[in-house]
Every structure is written in structure tokens, then in C-alpha cells.
N, C-alpha and C. Protein backbone atom coordinates (compact mmCIF):
# COMPACT_ATOMS: atom_id res chain seq x y z
N MET A 1 8.70 -17.95 -4.31
CA MET A 1 8.02 -17.00 -3.16
C MET A 1 7.17 -16.02 -3.57
N LYS A 2 6.45 -15.55 -2.17
CA LYS A 2 5.65 -14.63 -2.71
C LYS A 2 5.98 -13.17 -1.81
N ASP A 3 6.93 -12.44 -1.75
CA ASP A 3 7.68 -11.60 -1.00
C ASP A 3 6.65 -9.72 -1.46
N LEU A 4 6.83 -10.46 -2.12
CA LEU A 4 5.86 -9.06 -2.79
C LEU A 4 4.07 -8.62 -1.84
N ILE A 5 3.98 -7.58 -1.37
CA ILE A 5 2.69 -7.51 -0.45
C ILE A 5 1.48 -6.99 -1.22
N PHE A 6 0.73 -7.34 -1.23
CA PHE A 6 -0.50 -5.94 -2.49
C PHE A 6 -1.59 -6.34 -1.46
N TYR A 7 -1.25 -4.85 -0.69
CA TYR A 7 -2.76 -4.66 0.39
C TYR A 7 -3.91 -3.59 -0.75
N SER A 8 -4.90 -4.17 -0.40
CA SER A 8 -6.14 -4.28 -1.70
C SER A 8 -7.47 -3.86 -1.01
N TYR A 9 -8.24 -3.21 -2.07
CA TYR A 9 -9.37 -4.03 -0.81
C TYR A 9 -10.79 -3.21 -2.49
N PRO A 10 -11.59 -4.56 -2.99
CA PRO A 10 -12.11 -4.93 -4.21
C PRO A 10 -12.69 -3.95 -4.61
N SER A 11 -13.26 -3.51 -3.88
CA SER A 11 -14.57 -2.54 -4.76
C SER A 11 -13.43 -1.34 -4.86
N CYS A 12 -11.92 -0.81 -5.26
CA CYS A 12 -11.12 0.01 -4.91
C CYS A 12 -11.33 0.10 -6.69
N THR A 13 -11.36 0.81 -7.33
CA THR A 13 -10.95 1.16 -9.01
C THR A 13 -9.09 0.61 -8.80
N SER A 14 -8.74 1.48 -8.99
CA SER A 14 -7.30 1.16 -8.42
C SER A 14 -6.66 -0.05 -8.10
N CYS A 15 -7.26 -0.69 -7.05
CA CYS A 15 -7.28 -1.80 -6.48
C CYS A 15 -6.74 -2.89 -7.43
N ARG A 16 -8.21 -2.85 -8.70
CA ARG A 16 -8.30 -3.82 -8.84
C ARG A 16 -7.65 -3.77 -10.36
N LYS A 17 -7.05 -2.52 -10.88
CA LYS A 17 -6.24 -2.81 -12.13
C LYS A 17 -5.01 -2.91 -11.80
N THR A 18 -4.43 -2.51 -10.58
CA THR A 18 -3.49 -2.91 -10.16
C THR A 18 -3.00 -4.44 -10.14
N LYS A 19 -4.20 -5.33 -9.95
CA LYS A 19 -4.17 -6.50 -9.50
C LYS A 19 -4.37 -7.04 -11.38
N HIS A 20 -5.34 -6.97 -11.96
CA HIS A 20 -5.50 -7.06 -13.44
C HIS A 20 -3.67 -6.16 -14.10
N TRP A 21 -3.05 -5.68 -13.36
CA TRP A 21 -1.68 -6.20 -13.85
C TRP A 21 -0.48 -6.76 -14.01
N LEU A 22 -0.53 -6.83 -12.19
CA LEU A 22 0.13 -8.19 -11.89
C LEU A 22 -0.43 -9.85 -12.64
N LYS A 23 -1.42 -9.79 -11.74
CA LYS A 23 -1.73 -10.97 -13.63
C LYS A 23 -1.29 -11.38 -14.76
N ALA A 24 -1.43 -9.74 -15.26
CA ALA A 24 -1.05 -9.98 -16.70
C ALA A 24 0.33 -10.44 -17.08
N HIS A 25 1.34 -9.69 -15.75
CA HIS A 25 2.31 -9.56 -15.86
C HIS A 25 3.13 -11.29 -15.28
N ASN A 26 2.10 -11.98 -15.04
CA ASN A 26 2.69 -13.63 -14.16
C ASN A 26 3.31 -13.08 -12.51
N ILE A 27 2.96 -11.65 -12.53
CA ILE A 27 3.20 -11.49 -10.69
C ILE A 27 3.01 -11.89 -10.00
N ASP A 28 3.89 -13.19 -9.22
CA ASP A 28 3.06 -14.09 -7.87
C ASP A 28 3.56 -12.64 -6.42
N PHE A 29 2.53 -12.34 -6.28
CA PHE A 29 2.03 -11.71 -4.78
C PHE A 29 1.06 -12.58 -3.87
N ASN A 30 1.82 -11.54 -2.87
CA ASN A 30 0.66 -12.56 -1.53
C ASN A 30 -0.38 -11.03 -0.93
N GLU A 31 -1.89 -11.39 -1.44
CA GLU A 31 -3.03 -10.01 -1.14
C GLU A 31 -2.83 -10.07 -0.05
N ARG A 32 -3.46 -8.57 0.08
CA ARG A 32 -3.97 -8.99 1.85
C ARG A 32 -5.18 -7.33 1.68
N HIS A 33 -6.47 -8.18 2.53
CA HIS A 33 -7.61 -7.19 2.22
C HIS A 33 -7.68 -6.24 3.22
N LEU A 34 -7.33 -4.99 2.80
CA LEU A 34 -6.93 -4.25 3.75
C LEU A 34 -7.36 -3.53 5.19
N PHE A 35 -9.14 -3.58 4.54
CA PHE A 35 -9.78 -3.51 6.10
C PHE A 35 -10.16 -4.53 7.02
N ARG A 36 -9.52 -6.25 6.44
CA ARG A 36 -10.05 -7.68 6.63
C ARG A 36 -8.86 -7.89 7.95
N GLU A 37 -7.68 -6.96 6.84
CA GLU A 37 -5.88 -7.61 7.28
C GLU A 37 -5.35 -6.29 7.20
N THR A 38 -5.97 -5.48 8.26
CA THR A 38 -5.08 -4.39 8.33
C THR A 38 -3.54 -4.09 8.60
N PRO A 39 -3.03 -3.73 7.99
CA PRO A 39 -0.78 -3.49 8.17
C PRO A 39 -1.33 -3.55 10.37
N THR A 40 -0.56 -4.54 10.38
CA THR A 40 0.50 -3.91 12.77
C THR A 40 0.82 -2.35 12.61
N ILE A 41 0.95 -1.97 13.30
CA ILE A 41 1.75 -1.61 13.58
C ILE A 41 3.16 -1.08 12.54
N ASP A 42 3.73 -2.14 13.34
CA ASP A 42 4.95 -2.89 12.86
C ASP A 42 5.11 -2.98 10.69
N GLU A 43 4.24 -3.43 10.66
CA GLU A 43 4.44 -3.08 8.84
C GLU A 43 4.14 -2.04 8.68
N LEU A 44 2.74 -1.02 8.98
CA LEU A 44 2.26 0.40 9.10
C LEU A 44 3.54 1.29 9.36
N LYS A 45 4.78 0.75 9.76
CA LYS A 45 5.96 1.57 10.20
C LYS A 45 6.75 1.04 9.29
N HIS A 46 6.89 -0.62 8.50
CA HIS A 46 7.69 -0.48 7.70
C HIS A 46 6.91 0.19 6.16
N ILE A 47 6.09 0.07 6.09
CA ILE A 47 5.12 1.33 4.86
C ILE A 47 6.03 2.33 4.88
N LEU A 48 6.03 3.34 6.04
CA LEU A 48 6.50 4.77 5.87
C LEU A 48 8.09 4.43 5.64
N SER A 49 8.82 3.46 6.31
CA SER A 49 10.56 3.99 6.81
C SER A 49 10.43 3.90 4.18
N LEU A 50 9.64 3.03 3.72
CA LEU A 50 9.83 2.93 2.52
C LEU A 50 9.40 4.85 2.12
N THR A 51 8.30 5.82 2.31
CA THR A 51 7.87 6.51 1.58
C THR A 51 9.59 7.51 1.00
N THR A 52 8.65 8.60 0.05
CA THR A 52 9.96 9.14 0.12
C THR A 52 8.95 10.52 0.70
N GLU A 53 7.89 11.01 0.88
CA GLU A 53 7.19 11.92 1.54
C GLU A 53 6.83 11.52 2.73
N GLY A 54 7.23 10.69 3.45
CA GLY A 54 6.34 10.26 4.87
C GLY A 54 5.02 9.86 5.02
N ILE A 55 4.70 10.48 5.57
CA ILE A 55 2.97 9.92 5.99
C ILE A 55 1.81 10.28 5.23
N ASP A 56 2.11 11.57 4.16
CA ASP A 56 1.26 12.68 3.63
C ASP A 56 1.28 11.62 2.44
N GLU A 57 2.57 9.83 2.04
CA GLU A 57 2.44 9.82 0.76
C GLU A 57 1.03 8.84 0.65
N ILE A 58 0.98 7.84 2.52
CA ILE A 58 -0.25 6.36 2.56
C ILE A 58 -0.95 7.00 3.28
N LEU A 59 -1.59 8.44 3.34
CA LEU A 59 -2.97 8.89 4.01
C LEU A 59 -3.21 9.51 2.92
N ALA A 60 -4.77 9.15 3.12
CA ALA A 60 -6.33 9.31 2.11
C ALA A 60 -6.34 10.86 2.18
N THR A 61 -5.19 11.73 2.24
CA THR A 61 -6.69 12.89 2.69
C THR A 61 -7.72 13.68 2.21
N ARG A 62 -7.59 13.49 0.85
CA ARG A 62 -9.05 13.98 -0.07
C ARG A 62 -10.31 12.69 0.36
N SER A 63 -10.17 11.87 1.16
CA SER A 63 -10.93 11.28 1.20
C SER A 63 -11.72 11.41 3.04
N GLN A 64 -13.17 11.27 1.77
CA GLN A 64 -14.50 11.43 3.04
C GLN A 64 -14.29 11.41 4.18
N THR A 65 -13.99 9.90 4.63
CA THR A 65 -13.37 8.90 5.96
C THR A 65 -12.80 10.37 6.97
N PHE A 66 -11.63 10.64 6.16
CA PHE A 66 -10.43 11.84 6.74
C PHE A 66 -11.00 13.28 7.89
N LYS A 67 -11.55 13.66 5.74
CA LYS A 67 -12.16 14.77 6.08
C LYS A 67 -13.42 15.19 7.17
N ASN A 68 -14.21 14.20 7.13
CA ASN A 68 -15.16 13.76 8.85
C ASN A 68 -14.22 14.00 9.38
N LEU A 69 -12.82 13.57 10.13
CA LEU A 69 -12.68 13.07 11.42
C LEU A 69 -12.12 14.93 11.76
N ASN A 70 -12.38 16.02 10.73
CA ASN A 70 -11.54 17.71 11.09
C ASN A 70 -11.12 16.98 11.98
N LEU A 71 -9.46 16.57 12.01
CA LEU A 71 -8.37 16.11 12.51
C LEU A 71 -6.94 17.22 11.86
N ASN A 72 -5.55 17.60 12.36
CA ASN A 72 -4.46 18.07 12.08
C ASN A 72 -3.57 17.43 12.42
N ILE A 73 -3.08 16.61 10.96
CA ILE A 73 -2.04 15.69 11.23
C ILE A 73 -1.38 16.36 11.75
N ASP A 74 -0.51 17.77 10.81
CA ASP A 74 0.49 18.62 11.81
C ASP A 74 0.99 18.08 12.93
N GLU A 75 0.04 18.18 14.04
CA GLU A 75 -0.46 18.08 15.33
C GLU A 75 -0.36 17.01 15.69
N MET A 76 -0.08 15.60 15.55
CA MET A 76 -0.23 14.14 15.93
C MET A 76 0.75 13.88 15.64
N THR A 77 1.26 13.02 17.02
CA THR A 77 2.65 12.70 16.35
C THR A 77 2.54 11.67 15.75
N VAL A 78 3.86 10.76 15.07
CA VAL A 78 3.83 9.54 13.69
C VAL A 78 2.85 8.11 14.63
N ASN A 79 3.27 7.66 16.20
CA ASN A 79 2.22 6.84 16.78
C ASN A 79 0.85 7.03 16.63
N GLU A 80 0.51 8.43 16.85
CA GLU A 80 -1.24 8.37 16.91
C GLU A 80 -1.76 8.15 15.92
N VAL A 81 -0.94 9.27 14.07
CA VAL A 81 -1.19 8.69 13.60
C VAL A 81 -1.64 6.94 12.90
N LEU A 82 -0.57 6.06 13.13
CA LEU A 82 0.13 4.98 13.07
C LEU A 82 -1.91 4.67 13.53
N GLU A 83 -1.60 4.90 14.88
CA GLU A 83 -2.81 3.76 15.76
C GLU A 83 -4.39 4.48 14.80
N LEU A 84 -4.19 5.83 14.32
CA LEU A 84 -5.31 6.09 13.43
C LEU A 84 -5.58 5.02 13.12
N LEU A 85 -4.44 4.50 11.56
CA LEU A 85 -4.90 4.31 10.81
C LEU A 85 -5.51 2.99 10.85
N ILE A 86 -4.54 2.18 12.32
CA ILE A 86 -5.16 0.85 12.27
C ILE A 86 -6.45 0.43 12.97
N GLU A 87 -6.75 2.07 13.55
CA GLU A 87 -8.42 1.84 13.88
C GLU A 87 -9.49 2.38 12.53
N LYS A 88 -8.71 3.25 12.12
CA LYS A 88 -9.52 3.76 10.43
C LYS A 88 -8.75 2.92 9.34
N PRO A 89 -8.85 2.17 8.83
CA PRO A 89 -8.05 1.47 7.59
C PRO A 89 -7.78 1.99 6.41
N LYS A 90 -9.32 2.74 6.19
CA LYS A 90 -10.13 3.55 5.02
C LYS A 90 -8.82 4.78 4.52
N LEU A 91 -8.16 5.67 5.98
CA LEU A 91 -7.75 6.90 6.21
C LEU A 91 -6.84 6.60 5.06
N LEU A 92 -6.07 4.54 4.64
CA LEU A 92 -4.50 4.35 3.98
C LEU A 92 -5.48 4.84 2.59
N ARG A 93 -4.14 5.33 1.47
CA ARG A 93 -4.47 5.70 0.38
C ARG A 93 -4.11 3.76 -0.20
N ARG A 94 -4.90 3.98 -0.67
CA ARG A 94 -4.80 1.94 -1.86
C ARG A 94 -4.35 1.97 -3.26
N PRO A 95 -4.40 1.11 -3.67
CA PRO A 95 -3.19 0.01 -3.75
C PRO A 95 -2.74 0.10 -2.82
N ILE A 96 -1.25 -0.46 -1.72
CA ILE A 96 0.11 -0.58 -1.25
C ILE A 96 0.64 -1.42 -1.71
N PHE A 97 1.71 -1.81 -2.31
CA PHE A 97 2.33 -2.80 -2.91
C PHE A 97 3.22 -2.78 -2.60
N ILE A 98 4.33 -3.48 -1.79
CA ILE A 98 5.67 -3.72 -1.34
C ILE A 98 6.27 -4.99 -1.26
N ASP A 99 7.72 -4.99 -1.49
CA ASP A 99 8.99 -5.84 -0.87
C ASP A 99 8.74 -5.20 0.33
N HIS A 100 10.65 -5.81 0.09
CA HIS A 100 11.22 -5.71 1.51
C HIS A 100 12.13 -3.63 1.46
N LYS A 101 12.03 -3.50 0.20
CA LYS A 101 12.88 -2.16 -0.20
C LYS A 101 11.93 -1.45 -0.80
N LYS A 102 11.33 -1.63 -1.74
CA LYS A 102 10.30 -0.31 -2.48
C LYS A 102 8.35 -0.89 -2.38
N LEU A 103 8.45 0.43 -2.74
CA LEU A 103 6.65 1.25 -2.32
C LEU A 103 6.49 1.56 -3.15
N VAL A 104 5.17 1.02 -3.74
CA VAL A 104 3.86 1.30 -4.36
C VAL A 104 2.56 1.45 -4.02
N ILE A 105 2.39 3.43 -3.83
CA ILE A 105 0.59 3.61 -3.84
C ILE A 105 0.02 3.48 -5.41
N GLY A 106 -1.73 2.92 -4.95
CA GLY A 106 -2.50 3.29 -6.26
C GLY A 106 -2.20 2.95 -7.30
N TYR A 107 -2.41 3.00 -8.48
CA TYR A 107 -2.33 2.27 -9.96
C TYR A 107 -1.31 3.04 -10.50
N ASN A 108 -0.33 2.82 -10.53
CA ASN A 108 1.22 3.15 -11.23
C ASN A 108 1.80 1.74 -12.34
N PRO A 109 1.74 1.38 -13.03
CA PRO A 109 2.31 0.74 -14.43
C PRO A 109 3.79 1.08 -13.83
N GLY A 110 3.99 2.14 -14.53
CA GLY A 110 5.30 1.95 -14.28
C GLY A 110 6.56 1.59 -13.08
N GLU A 111 5.81 2.05 -12.36
CA GLU A 111 6.25 2.04 -11.14
C GLU A 111 6.09 0.76 -10.51
N LEU A 112 5.04 0.14 -10.47
CA LEU A 112 5.36 -1.28 -10.86
C LEU A 112 6.44 -2.26 -11.59
N MET A 113 6.55 -2.08 -12.67
CA MET A 113 7.86 -2.52 -13.21
C MET A 113 8.87 -1.90 -12.95
N LYS A 114 8.80 -1.31 -12.76
CA LYS A 114 10.27 -1.30 -11.37
C LYS A 114 10.63 -2.01 -10.71
N LEU A 115 10.32 -1.80 -9.75
CA LEU A 115 9.13 -2.62 -8.67
C LEU A 115 9.68 -4.58 -8.87
N THR A 116 8.81 -4.73 -9.89
CA THR A 116 9.15 -5.81 -10.08
C THR A 116 9.76 -6.83 -10.76
N LYS A 117 10.67 -5.81 -11.56
CA LYS A 117 11.93 -6.06 -12.88
C LYS A 117 12.58 -7.52 -12.36
N LYS A 118 12.92 -7.46 -11.03
CA LYS A 118 13.58 -8.13 -10.92
C LYS A 118 13.15 -9.30 -10.27
N LYS A 119 12.09 -9.56 -9.74
CA LYS A 119 10.54 -10.49 -10.08
C LYS A 119 10.91 -11.47 -10.97
N THR A 120 10.43 -10.65 -11.54
CA THR A 120 9.85 -11.30 -13.51
C THR A 120 11.32 -11.67 -14.25
N VAL A 121 12.49 -10.85 -13.76
CA VAL A 121 13.58 -12.41 -14.17
C VAL A 121 13.76 -12.92 -13.64
N HIS A 122 13.91 -13.12 -12.72
CA HIS A 122 13.97 -14.40 -11.55
C HIS A 122 12.77 -15.67 -12.02
N GLN A 123 11.86 -14.91 -12.42
CA GLN A 123 10.73 -16.20 -12.17
C GLN A 123 11.33 -16.93 -13.67
N SER A 124 12.18 -16.13 -14.28
CA SER A 124 11.75 -16.69 -16.03
C SER A 124 13.14 -17.85 -16.16
N VAL A 125 14.14 -17.26 -15.54
CA VAL A 125 14.94 -18.22 -14.95
C VAL A 125 14.70 -19.21 -14.20
N SER A 126 14.43 -18.82 -13.13
CA SER A 126 14.09 -20.64 -12.54
C SER A 126 13.64 -21.41 -13.19
């Protein structure tokens, strides 16, 4: 069962590293192209609910796309920011890797190991 979702973009180095790590560790996941299969409002709300730092954790504030918008995120409502992320998915940090209870942003093997540990153990028992 693929209850792990991997939002990625093929030309993103961190996405490629994460995908390679997942395959090397035999982790079953559902990959979604971040720009072709942009997360819905409900999916973004779920992702946001899994963050520890809120919107700052998923927003790519150092990206040129963000800088070009010249926005003050602090003056926007959460729903306005979520609508912006759907309209401009390049503003999302990537990759985004989630299960139903945990989130990993970017290439982070240590956090991926924690997130997938149960999945790996479960798969080897099956």
C-alpha cells in the first residue's frame, strides 16, 4: 500500500536525491509531480497541519519566484497563501514527503529514515 506521498519535480536536485534514497531503501511511495499534480487546498492544509514552523516551513521564500512577487506573507491570511501556492506551486519548498502523520521537506535522510522506519519493518514482515 502506498500511503507515503512524494511531491517532486524531476529537475530538482533534492527531489532526485530523495527519490534515489527511497528506491535504495525499498520504500513504496506514490510520486506526484508538484507542478502537474499540484496539491489541493485540503492537501495543503494537511501538509500545513504536519509542520512545526507553519507556512514558513513549506514556502520557498529564497526562490526567485517568491522574490519577484514582492509580497508580505505576514499580511496575508492562511487561505490567501494557500491559494497562492496552488496558483504558483514553484513557491513550495521541495520535495515534500508525507505520510498521514509526519512530514519531511527537502532531502533529509535522517528524517526520511524516521518516517519510513515503520514502513520498512512492516514490508519486511509481510
